[in-house]
Amino acid sequence: MSKHSIPSPVQNEASRNGFNRVEYAGRLDGFDYYSVGCVDGNGNPVPTGLPTFIQDNGGRLSIISGLDGLDLCSRLY
């Protein structure tokens, strides 16, 4: 994955939804997607279930999770 700065609104949305890790996942169909999750105090990933993403549609942010997150994951990677 390339270096991509995480916009503050995306970081804030992740935090507001209980996530403390955000990574740029890619661009698909004209939208930017950010993978979100949780890490413990040692930086180890904490299992959270199905993949969750934040979709950035020109500043409008949406959470994509559950089976939709799994489908998106298979399309991005």
PDB file of N, CA and C in Angstrom:
ATOM      1  N   MET A   1       0.834  -1.171   0.000  1.00  0.00           N
ATOM      2  CA  MET A   1       0.000   0.000   0.000  1.00  0.00           C
ATOM      3  C   MET A   1       0.886   1.244   0.000  1.00  0.00           C
ATOM      4  N   SER A   2       0.512   2.227  -0.746  1.00  0.00           N
ATOM      5  CA  SER A   2       1.317   3.439  -0.829  1.00  0.00           C
ATOM      6  C   SER A   2       1.076   4.326   0.387  1.00  0.00           C
ATOM      7  N   LYS A   3       2.035   5.229   0.603  1.00  0.00           N
ATOM      8  CA  LYS A   3       1.868   6.212   1.671  1.00  0.00           C
ATOM      9  C   LYS A   3       0.703   7.117   1.300  1.00  0.00           C
ATOM     10  N   HIS A   4      -0.189   7.303   2.230  1.00  0.00           N
ATOM     11  CA  HIS A   4      -1.355   8.145   1.995  1.00  0.00           C
ATOM     12  C   HIS A   4      -1.729   8.745   3.332  1.00  0.00           C
ATOM     13  N   SER A   5      -1.768  10.060   3.403  1.00  0.00           N
ATOM     14  CA  SER A   5      -2.123  10.681   4.680  1.00  0.00           C
ATOM     15  C   SER A   5      -3.611  10.468   4.953  1.00  0.00           C
ATOM     16  N   ILE A   6      -3.919  10.265   6.217  1.00  0.00           N
ATOM     17  CA  ILE A   6      -5.304  10.032   6.635  1.00  0.00           C
ATOM     18  C   ILE A   6      -5.905  11.381   7.015  1.00  0.00           C
ATOM     19  N   PRO A   7      -6.953  11.821   6.324  1.00  0.00           N
ATOM     20  CA  PRO A   7      -7.572  13.111   6.648  1.00  0.00           C
ATOM     21  C   PRO A   7      -8.131  13.111   8.077  1.00  0.00           C
ATOM     22  N   SER A   8      -8.052  14.258   8.717  1.00  0.00           N
ATOM     23  CA  SER A   8      -8.554  14.394  10.095  1.00  0.00           C
ATOM     24  C   SER A   8     -10.011  13.965  10.246  1.00  0.00           C
ATOM     25  N   PRO A   9     -10.913  14.335   9.324  1.00  0.00           N
ATOM     26  CA  PRO A   9     -12.301  13.898   9.492  1.00  0.00           C
ATOM     27  C   PRO A   9     -12.436  12.367   9.500  1.00  0.00           C
ATOM     28  N   VAL A  10     -11.597  11.686   8.717  1.00  0.00           N
ATOM     29  CA  VAL A  10     -11.637  10.218   8.691  1.00  0.00           C
ATOM     30  C   VAL A  10     -11.128   9.680  10.024  1.00  0.00           C
ATOM     31  N   GLN A  11     -10.041  10.241  10.535  1.00  0.00           N
ATOM     32  CA  GLN A  11      -9.526   9.823  11.838  1.00  0.00           C
ATOM     33  C   GLN A  11     -10.557  10.051  12.933  1.00  0.00           C
ATOM     34  N   ASN A  12     -11.220  11.197  12.886  1.00  0.00           N
ATOM     35  CA  ASN A  12     -12.244  11.512  13.895  1.00  0.00           C
ATOM     36  C   ASN A  12     -13.422  10.553  13.820  1.00  0.00           C
ATOM     37  N   GLU A  13     -13.850  10.214  12.609  1.00  0.00           N
ATOM     38  CA  GLU A  13     -14.965   9.280  12.424  1.00  0.00           C
ATOM     39  C   GLU A  13     -14.595   7.897  12.961  1.00  0.00           C
ATOM     40  N   ALA A  14     -13.363   7.468  12.696  1.00  0.00           N
ATOM     41  CA  ALA A  14     -12.905   6.180  13.207  1.00  0.00           C
ATOM     42  C   ALA A  14     -12.930   6.187  14.735  1.00  0.00           C
ATOM     43  N   SER A  15     -12.374   7.208  15.334  1.00  0.00           N
ATOM     44  CA  SER A  15     -12.328   7.315  16.789  1.00  0.00           C
ATOM     45  C   SER A  15     -13.734   7.361  17.382  1.00  0.00           C
ATOM     46  N   ARG A  16     -14.611   8.124  16.754  1.00  0.00           N
ATOM     47  CA  ARG A  16     -15.994   8.249  17.228  1.00  0.00           C
ATOM     48  C   ARG A  16     -16.706   6.899  17.225  1.00  0.00           C
ATOM     49  N   ASN A  17     -16.278   6.003  16.350  1.00  0.00           N
ATOM     50  CA  ASN A  17     -16.885   4.674  16.239  1.00  0.00           C
ATOM     51  C   ASN A  17     -16.088   3.597  16.972  1.00  0.00           C
ATOM     52  N   GLY A  18     -15.108   3.999  17.792  1.00  0.00           N
ATOM     53  CA  GLY A  18     -14.384   3.070  18.638  1.00  0.00           C
ATOM     54  C   GLY A  18     -13.143   2.432  18.041  1.00  0.00           C
ATOM     55  N   PHE A  19     -12.677   2.927  16.912  1.00  0.00           N
ATOM     56  CA  PHE A  19     -11.482   2.378  16.269  1.00  0.00           C
ATOM     57  C   PHE A  19     -10.276   3.268  16.555  1.00  0.00           C
ATOM     58  N   ASN A  20      -9.110   2.651  16.751  1.00  0.00           N
ATOM     59  CA  ASN A  20      -7.904   3.438  17.014  1.00  0.00           C
ATOM     60  C   ASN A  20      -6.804   3.208  15.980  1.00  0.00           C
ATOM     61  N   ARG A  21      -7.148   2.539  14.877  1.00  0.00           N
ATOM     62  CA  ARG A  21      -6.201   2.327  13.788  1.00  0.00           C
ATOM     63  C   ARG A  21      -6.911   2.603  12.470  1.00  0.00           C
ATOM     64  N   VAL A  22      -6.281   3.401  11.623  1.00  0.00           N
ATOM     65  CA  VAL A  22      -6.839   3.727  10.306  1.00  0.00           C
ATOM     66  C   VAL A  22      -5.718   3.611   9.282  1.00  0.00           C
ATOM     67  N   GLU A  23      -5.993   2.922   8.186  1.00  0.00           N
ATOM     68  CA  GLU A  23      -5.043   2.817   7.086  1.00  0.00           C
ATOM     69  C   GLU A  23      -5.782   3.047   5.774  1.00  0.00           C
ATOM     70  N   TYR A  24      -5.098   3.700   4.847  1.00  0.00           N
ATOM     71  CA  TYR A  24      -5.677   3.874   3.515  1.00  0.00           C
ATOM     72  C   TYR A  24      -5.770   2.511   2.845  1.00  0.00           C
ATOM     73  N   ALA A  25      -6.961   2.153   2.356  1.00  0.00           N
ATOM     74  CA  ALA A  25      -7.163   0.843   1.729  1.00  0.00           C
ATOM     75  C   ALA A  25      -7.142   0.928   0.210  1.00  0.00           C
ATOM     76  N   GLY A  26      -7.547   2.060  -0.344  1.00  0.00           N
ATOM     77  CA  GLY A  26      -7.524   2.200  -1.787  1.00  0.00           C
ATOM     78  C   GLY A  26      -8.695   2.985  -2.320  1.00  0.00           C
ATOM     79  N   ARG A  27      -8.735   3.077  -3.638  1.00  0.00           N
ATOM     80  CA  ARG A  27      -9.792   3.822  -4.338  1.00  0.00           C
ATOM     81  C   ARG A  27     -10.534   2.840  -5.230  1.00  0.00           C
ATOM     82  N   LEU A  28     -11.847   2.924  -5.190  1.00  0.00           N
ATOM     83  CA  LEU A  28     -12.683   2.028  -5.977  1.00  0.00           C
ATOM     84  C   LEU A  28     -13.953   2.763  -6.369  1.00  0.00           C
ATOM     85  N   ASP A  29     -14.295   2.707  -7.638  1.00  0.00           N
ATOM     86  CA  ASP A  29     -15.516   3.342  -8.144  1.00  0.00           C
ATOM     87  C   ASP A  29     -15.608   4.830  -7.775  1.00  0.00           C
ATOM     88  N   GLY A  30     -14.461   5.507  -7.720  1.00  0.00           N
ATOM     89  CA  GLY A  30     -14.442   6.941  -7.449  1.00  0.00           C
ATOM     90  C   GLY A  30     -14.453   7.325  -5.983  1.00  0.00           C
ATOM     91  N   PHE A  31     -14.415   6.354  -5.074  1.00  0.00           N
ATOM     92  CA  PHE A  31     -14.424   6.634  -3.638  1.00  0.00           C
ATOM     93  C   PHE A  31     -13.102   6.185  -3.022  1.00  0.00           C
ATOM     94  N   ASP A  32     -12.649   6.917  -1.989  1.00  0.00           N
ATOM     95  CA  ASP A  32     -11.505   6.483  -1.204  1.00  0.00           C
ATOM     96  C   ASP A  32     -12.020   5.665  -0.027  1.00  0.00           C
ATOM     97  N   TYR A  33     -11.288   4.598   0.297  1.00  0.00           N
ATOM     98  CA  TYR A  33     -11.666   3.728   1.406  1.00  0.00           C
ATOM     99  C   TYR A  33     -10.520   3.618   2.390  1.00  0.00           C
ATOM    100  N   TYR A  34     -10.877   3.621   3.657  1.00  0.00           N
ATOM    101  CA  TYR A  34      -9.927   3.500   4.747  1.00  0.00           C
ATOM    102  C   TYR A  34     -10.328   2.309   5.612  1.00  0.00           C
ATOM    103  N   SER A  35      -9.378   1.429   5.841  1.00  0.00           N
ATOM    104  CA  SER A  35      -9.594   0.279   6.701  1.00  0.00           C
ATOM    105  C   SER A  35      -9.448   0.735   8.152  1.00  0.00           C
ATOM    106  N   VAL A  36     -10.363   0.310   9.019  1.00  0.00           N
ATOM    107  CA  VAL A  36     -10.286   0.682  10.427  1.00  0.00           C
ATOM    108  C   VAL A  36     -10.274  -0.565  11.296  1.00  0.00           C
ATOM    109  N   GLY A  37      -9.678  -0.440  12.463  1.00  0.00           N
ATOM    110  CA  GLY A  37      -9.616  -1.550  13.399  1.00  0.00           C
ATOM    111  C   GLY A  37      -9.121  -1.056  14.741  1.00  0.00           C
ATOM    112  N   CYS A  38      -8.735  -2.000  15.585  1.00  0.00           N
ATOM    113  CA  CYS A  38      -8.245  -1.680  16.920  1.00  0.00           C
ATOM    114  C   CYS A  38      -6.920  -2.389  17.160  1.00  0.00           C
ATOM    115  N   VAL A  39      -6.023  -1.702  17.851  1.00  0.00           N
ATOM    116  CA  VAL A  39      -4.772  -2.301  18.298  1.00  0.00           C
ATOM    117  C   VAL A  39      -4.672  -2.095  19.808  1.00  0.00           C
ATOM    118  N   ASP A  40      -3.962  -3.027  20.474  1.00  0.00           N
ATOM    119  CA  ASP A  40      -3.782  -2.904  21.914  1.00  0.00           C
ATOM    120  C   ASP A  40      -2.596  -1.986  22.222  1.00  0.00           C
ATOM    121  N   GLY A  41      -2.257  -1.861  23.488  1.00  0.00           N
ATOM    122  CA  GLY A  41      -1.172  -0.982  23.908  1.00  0.00           C
ATOM    123  C   GLY A  41       0.185  -1.352  23.346  1.00  0.00           C
ATOM    124  N   ASN A  42       0.346  -2.602  22.904  1.00  0.00           N
ATOM    125  CA  ASN A  42       1.595  -3.045  22.299  1.00  0.00           C
ATOM    126  C   ASN A  42       1.582  -2.951  20.782  1.00  0.00           C
ATOM    127  N   GLY A  43       0.481  -2.457  20.221  1.00  0.00           N
ATOM    128  CA  GLY A  43       0.375  -2.335  18.773  1.00  0.00           C
ATOM    129  C   GLY A  43      -0.098  -3.585  18.074  1.00  0.00           C
ATOM    130  N   ASN A  44      -0.535  -4.580  18.852  1.00  0.00           N
ATOM    131  CA  ASN A  44      -1.040  -5.825  18.262  1.00  0.00           C
ATOM    132  C   ASN A  44      -2.513  -5.685  17.901  1.00  0.00           C
ATOM    133  N   PRO A  45      -2.910  -6.210  16.745  1.00  0.00           N
ATOM    134  CA  PRO A  45      -4.317  -6.092  16.344  1.00  0.00           C
ATOM    135  C   PRO A  45      -5.240  -6.863  17.288  1.00  0.00           C
ATOM    136  N   VAL A  46      -6.386  -6.257  17.571  1.00  0.00           N
ATOM    137  CA  VAL A  46      -7.422  -6.871  18.386  1.00  0.00           C
ATOM    138  C   VAL A  46      -8.497  -7.380  17.428  1.00  0.00           C
ATOM    139  N   PRO A  47      -8.892  -8.641  17.529  1.00  0.00           N
ATOM    140  CA  PRO A  47      -9.926  -9.158  16.620  1.00  0.00           C
ATOM    141  C   PRO A  47     -11.233  -8.363  16.757  1.00  0.00           C
ATOM    142  N   THR A  48     -11.783  -7.961  15.617  1.00  0.00           N
ATOM    143  CA  THR A  48     -13.025  -7.180  15.638  1.00  0.00           C
ATOM    144  C   THR A  48     -14.114  -7.774  14.754  1.00  0.00           C
ATOM    145  N   GLY A  49     -13.893  -8.956  14.214  1.00  0.00           N
ATOM    146  CA  GLY A  49     -14.910  -9.567  13.355  1.00  0.00           C
ATOM    147  C   GLY A  49     -14.670  -9.246  11.897  1.00  0.00           C
ATOM    148  N   LEU A  50     -15.745  -9.039  11.178  1.00  0.00           N
ATOM    149  CA  LEU A  50     -15.651  -8.757   9.741  1.00  0.00           C
ATOM    150  C   LEU A  50     -14.977  -7.415   9.485  1.00  0.00           C
ATOM    151  N   PRO A  51     -14.369  -7.245   8.309  1.00  0.00           N
ATOM    152  CA  PRO A  51     -13.661  -5.992   8.000  1.00  0.00           C
ATOM    153  C   PRO A  51     -14.604  -4.792   8.023  1.00  0.00           C
ATOM    154  N   THR A  52     -14.053  -3.673   8.466  1.00  0.00           N
ATOM    155  CA  THR A  52     -14.797  -2.414   8.502  1.00  0.00           C
ATOM    156  C   THR A  52     -13.986  -1.353   7.788  1.00  0.00           C
ATOM    157  N   PHE A  53     -14.681  -0.531   7.021  1.00  0.00           N
ATOM    158  CA  PHE A  53     -14.049   0.538   6.247  1.00  0.00           C
ATOM    159  C   PHE A  53     -14.812   1.836   6.445  1.00  0.00           C
ATOM    160  N   ILE A  54     -14.118   2.933   6.215  1.00  0.00           N
ATOM    161  CA  ILE A  54     -14.768   4.236   6.091  1.00  0.00           C
ATOM    162  C   ILE A  54     -14.667   4.625   4.633  1.00  0.00           C
ATOM    163  N   GLN A  55     -15.802   4.941   4.049  1.00  0.00           N
ATOM    164  CA  GLN A  55     -15.867   5.394   2.658  1.00  0.00           C
ATOM    165  C   GLN A  55     -15.889   6.915   2.675  1.00  0.00           C
ATOM    166  N   ASP A  56     -15.022   7.522   1.887  1.00  0.00           N
ATOM    167  CA  ASP A  56     -14.991   8.979   1.740  1.00  0.00           C
ATOM    168  C   ASP A  56     -15.513   9.329   0.359  1.00  0.00           C
ATOM    169  N   ASN A  57     -16.694   9.905   0.351  1.00  0.00           N
ATOM    170  CA  ASN A  57     -17.353  10.313  -0.882  1.00  0.00           C
ATOM    171  C   ASN A  57     -17.307  11.833  -0.939  1.00  0.00           C
ATOM    172  N   GLY A  58     -16.132  12.363  -1.269  1.00  0.00           N
ATOM    173  CA  GLY A  58     -15.986  13.815  -1.363  1.00  0.00           C
ATOM    174  C   GLY A  58     -16.253  14.527  -0.049  1.00  0.00           C
ATOM    175  N   GLY A  59     -15.863  13.925   1.061  1.00  0.00           N
ATOM    176  CA  GLY A  59     -16.074  14.532   2.369  1.00  0.00           C
ATOM    177  C   GLY A  59     -17.250  13.954   3.134  1.00  0.00           C
ATOM    178  N   ARG A  60     -18.141  13.255   2.444  1.00  0.00           N
ATOM    179  CA  ARG A  60     -19.244  12.555   3.127  1.00  0.00           C
ATOM    180  C   ARG A  60     -18.731  11.187   3.520  1.00  0.00           C
ATOM    181  N   LEU A  61     -18.706  10.915   4.815  1.00  0.00           N
ATOM    182  CA  LEU A  61     -18.132   9.670   5.315  1.00  0.00           C
ATOM    183  C   LEU A  61     -19.223   8.679   5.686  1.00  0.00           C
ATOM    184  N   SER A  62     -18.972   7.410   5.360  1.00  0.00           N
ATOM    185  CA  SER A  62     -19.898   6.325   5.681  1.00  0.00           C
ATOM    186  C   SER A  62     -19.104   5.136   6.207  1.00  0.00           C
ATOM    187  N   ILE A  63     -19.677   4.432   7.170  1.00  0.00           N
ATOM    188  CA  ILE A  63     -19.083   3.195   7.670  1.00  0.00           C
ATOM    189  C   ILE A  63     -19.606   2.040   6.820  1.00  0.00           C
ATOM    190  N   ILE A  64     -18.696   1.211   6.339  1.00  0.00           N
ATOM    191  CA  ILE A  64     -19.035   0.009   5.575  1.00  0.00           C
ATOM    192  C   ILE A  64     -18.553  -1.172   6.415  1.00  0.00           C
ATOM    193  N   SER A  65     -19.471  -2.035   6.843  1.00  0.00           N
ATOM    194  CA  SER A  65     -19.079  -3.138   7.722  1.00  0.00           C
ATOM    195  C   SER A  65     -19.928  -4.374   7.443  1.00  0.00           C
ATOM    196  N   GLY A  66     -19.719  -5.410   8.238  1.00  0.00           N
ATOM    197  CA  GLY A  66     -20.473  -6.649   8.075  1.00  0.00           C
ATOM    198  C   GLY A  66     -20.171  -7.300   6.737  1.00  0.00           C
ATOM    199  N   LEU A  67     -21.183  -7.895   6.140  1.00  0.00           N
ATOM    200  CA  LEU A  67     -20.988  -8.564   4.852  1.00  0.00           C
ATOM    201  C   LEU A  67     -20.609  -7.579   3.752  1.00  0.00           C
ATOM    202  N   ASP A  68     -21.092  -6.340   3.853  1.00  0.00           N
ATOM    203  CA  ASP A  68     -20.696  -5.320   2.875  1.00  0.00           C
ATOM    204  C   ASP A  68     -19.203  -5.025   2.983  1.00  0.00           C
ATOM    205  N   GLY A  69     -18.672  -5.017   4.210  1.00  0.00           N
ATOM    206  CA  GLY A  69     -17.241  -4.819   4.417  1.00  0.00           C
ATOM    207  C   GLY A  69     -16.428  -5.965   3.859  1.00  0.00           C
ATOM    208  N   LEU A  70     -16.948  -7.194   4.033  1.00  0.00           N
ATOM    209  CA  LEU A  70     -16.265  -8.365   3.498  1.00  0.00           C
ATOM    210  C   LEU A  70     -16.233  -8.327   1.978  1.00  0.00           C
ATOM    211  N   ASP A  71     -17.357  -7.956   1.367  1.00  0.00           N
ATOM    212  CA  ASP A  71     -17.414  -7.842  -0.095  1.00  0.00           C
ATOM    213  C   ASP A  71     -16.440  -6.767  -0.583  1.00  0.00           C
ATOM    214  N   LEU A  72     -16.432  -5.622   0.089  1.00  0.00           N
ATOM    215  CA  LEU A  72     -15.532  -4.545  -0.297  1.00  0.00           C
ATOM    216  C   LEU A  72     -14.079  -4.990  -0.167  1.00  0.00           C
ATOM    217  N   CYS A  73     -13.774  -5.711   0.887  1.00  0.00           N
ATOM    218  CA  CYS A  73     -12.414  -6.212   1.106  1.00  0.00           C
ATOM    219  C   CYS A  73     -11.968  -7.080  -0.067  1.00  0.00           C
ATOM    220  N   SER A  74     -12.837  -7.929  -0.538  1.00  0.00           N
ATOM    221  CA  SER A  74     -12.469  -8.804  -1.651  1.00  0.00           C
ATOM    222  C   SER A  74     -12.301  -8.022  -2.956  1.00  0.00           C
ATOM    223  N   ARG A  75     -12.945  -6.888  -3.072  1.00  0.00           N
ATOM    224  CA  ARG A  75     -12.822  -6.071  -4.273  1.00  0.00           C
ATOM    225  C   ARG A  75     -11.599  -5.172  -4.230  1.00  0.00           C
ATOM    226  N   LEU A  76     -11.176  -4.770  -3.036  1.00  0.00           N
ATOM    227  CA  LEU A  76     -10.026  -3.874  -2.905  1.00  0.00           C
ATOM    228  C   LEU A  76      -8.699  -4.598  -2.973  1.00  0.00           C
ATOM    229  N   TYR A  77      -8.651  -5.834  -2.481  1.00  0.00           N
ATOM    230  CA  TYR A  77      -7.360  -6.515  -2.339  1.00  0.00           C
ATOM    231  C   TYR A  77      -7.209  -7.631  -3.304  1.00  0.00           C
TER     232      TYR A  77
END
